[in-house]
Amino acid sequence: MKFFVGEKNIGNEVTKADVQKVIDHLSQKGWDVAYGMRENELTSDDEKDRQRELEDAFADDFMNCLDELGL
């Protein structure tokens, strides 16, 4: 599944550079993440049955990432 992250996902005073740090951090954890404000995309038919599970796991890693980066 491809996830998209933009400044509005993180906070009011976040820069594009901050977003890129988050994207890099999540990518290192194995997530397919890109810059942007749009709907997340399924990348295979297998993911359709697990979409909610994948979104929940990503949300957990995303929040942990923000804590780790101090954002």
Protein backbone atom coordinates (compact mmCIF):
# COMPACT_ATOMS: atom_id res chain seq x y z
CA MET A 1 0.00 0.00 0.00
CA LYS A 2 1.28 3.45 -0.84
CA PHE A 3 0.80 6.14 1.79
CA PHE A 4 0.99 9.89 1.24
CA VAL A 5 2.14 12.40 3.85
CA GLY A 6 2.04 16.19 3.72
CA GLU A 7 2.46 19.08 6.10
CA LYS A 8 -1.24 19.02 7.08
CA ASN A 9 -0.84 15.44 8.33
CA ILE A 10 1.76 16.55 10.86
CA GLY A 11 1.04 20.06 12.11
CA ASN A 12 0.71 23.76 11.46
CA GLU A 13 4.35 24.78 11.64
CA VAL A 14 5.86 21.85 9.77
CA THR A 15 8.07 22.39 6.74
CA LYS A 16 8.46 20.27 3.64
CA ALA A 17 11.90 19.29 5.00
CA ASP A 18 10.22 17.97 8.17
CA VAL A 19 7.81 15.95 6.05
CA GLN A 20 10.72 14.53 4.08
CA LYS A 21 12.37 13.40 7.33
CA VAL A 22 9.16 11.58 8.26
CA ILE A 23 8.94 10.00 4.80
CA ASP A 24 12.58 8.88 4.96
CA HIS A 25 12.13 7.44 8.45
CA LEU A 26 9.00 5.50 7.50
CA SER A 27 10.59 4.31 4.25
CA GLN A 28 13.49 2.89 6.25
CA LYS A 29 10.93 0.89 8.22
CA GLY A 30 9.68 -0.62 4.96
CA TRP A 31 6.65 1.56 4.22
CA ASP A 32 5.93 2.84 0.71
CA VAL A 33 5.53 6.55 1.45
CA ALA A 34 5.51 9.62 -0.80
CA TYR A 35 5.00 13.34 -0.40
CA GLY A 36 1.50 14.63 -1.03
CA MET A 37 -2.00 15.17 0.22
CA ARG A 38 -4.12 12.51 -1.42
CA GLU A 39 -5.81 9.20 -0.77
CA ASN A 40 -3.60 6.26 0.10
CA GLU A 41 -3.48 3.69 -2.70
CA LEU A 42 -3.67 -0.08 -2.78
CA THR A 43 -0.71 -1.44 -4.73
CA SER A 44 -1.89 -5.04 -5.05
CA ASP A 45 -5.12 -7.01 -4.89
CA ASP A 46 -3.80 -8.84 -1.82
CA GLU A 47 -3.94 -5.61 0.17
CA LYS A 48 -7.68 -5.11 -0.30
CA ASP A 49 -8.56 -7.67 2.36
CA ARG A 50 -5.92 -6.25 4.71
CA GLN A 51 -6.43 -2.54 4.03
CA ARG A 52 -7.64 -1.66 7.52
CA GLU A 53 -4.87 -3.70 9.15
CA LEU A 54 -2.23 -1.96 7.01
CA GLU A 55 -3.67 1.48 7.72
CA ASP A 56 -3.69 0.82 11.46
CA ALA A 57 -0.10 -0.44 11.44
CA PHE A 58 1.01 2.57 9.39
CA ALA A 59 -0.78 4.96 11.76
CA ASP A 60 1.04 3.42 14.72
CA ASP A 61 4.43 3.73 13.01
CA PHE A 62 3.57 7.26 11.84
CA MET A 63 2.76 8.43 15.38
CA ASN A 64 5.89 6.74 16.78
CA CYS A 65 7.94 8.40 14.04
CA LEU A 66 6.61 11.84 14.99
CA ASP A 67 7.58 11.20 18.62
CA GLU A 68 11.05 9.96 17.65
CA LEU A 69 11.65 12.99 15.42
CA GLY A 70 10.17 15.45 17.93
CA LEU A 71 7.47 16.71 15.60
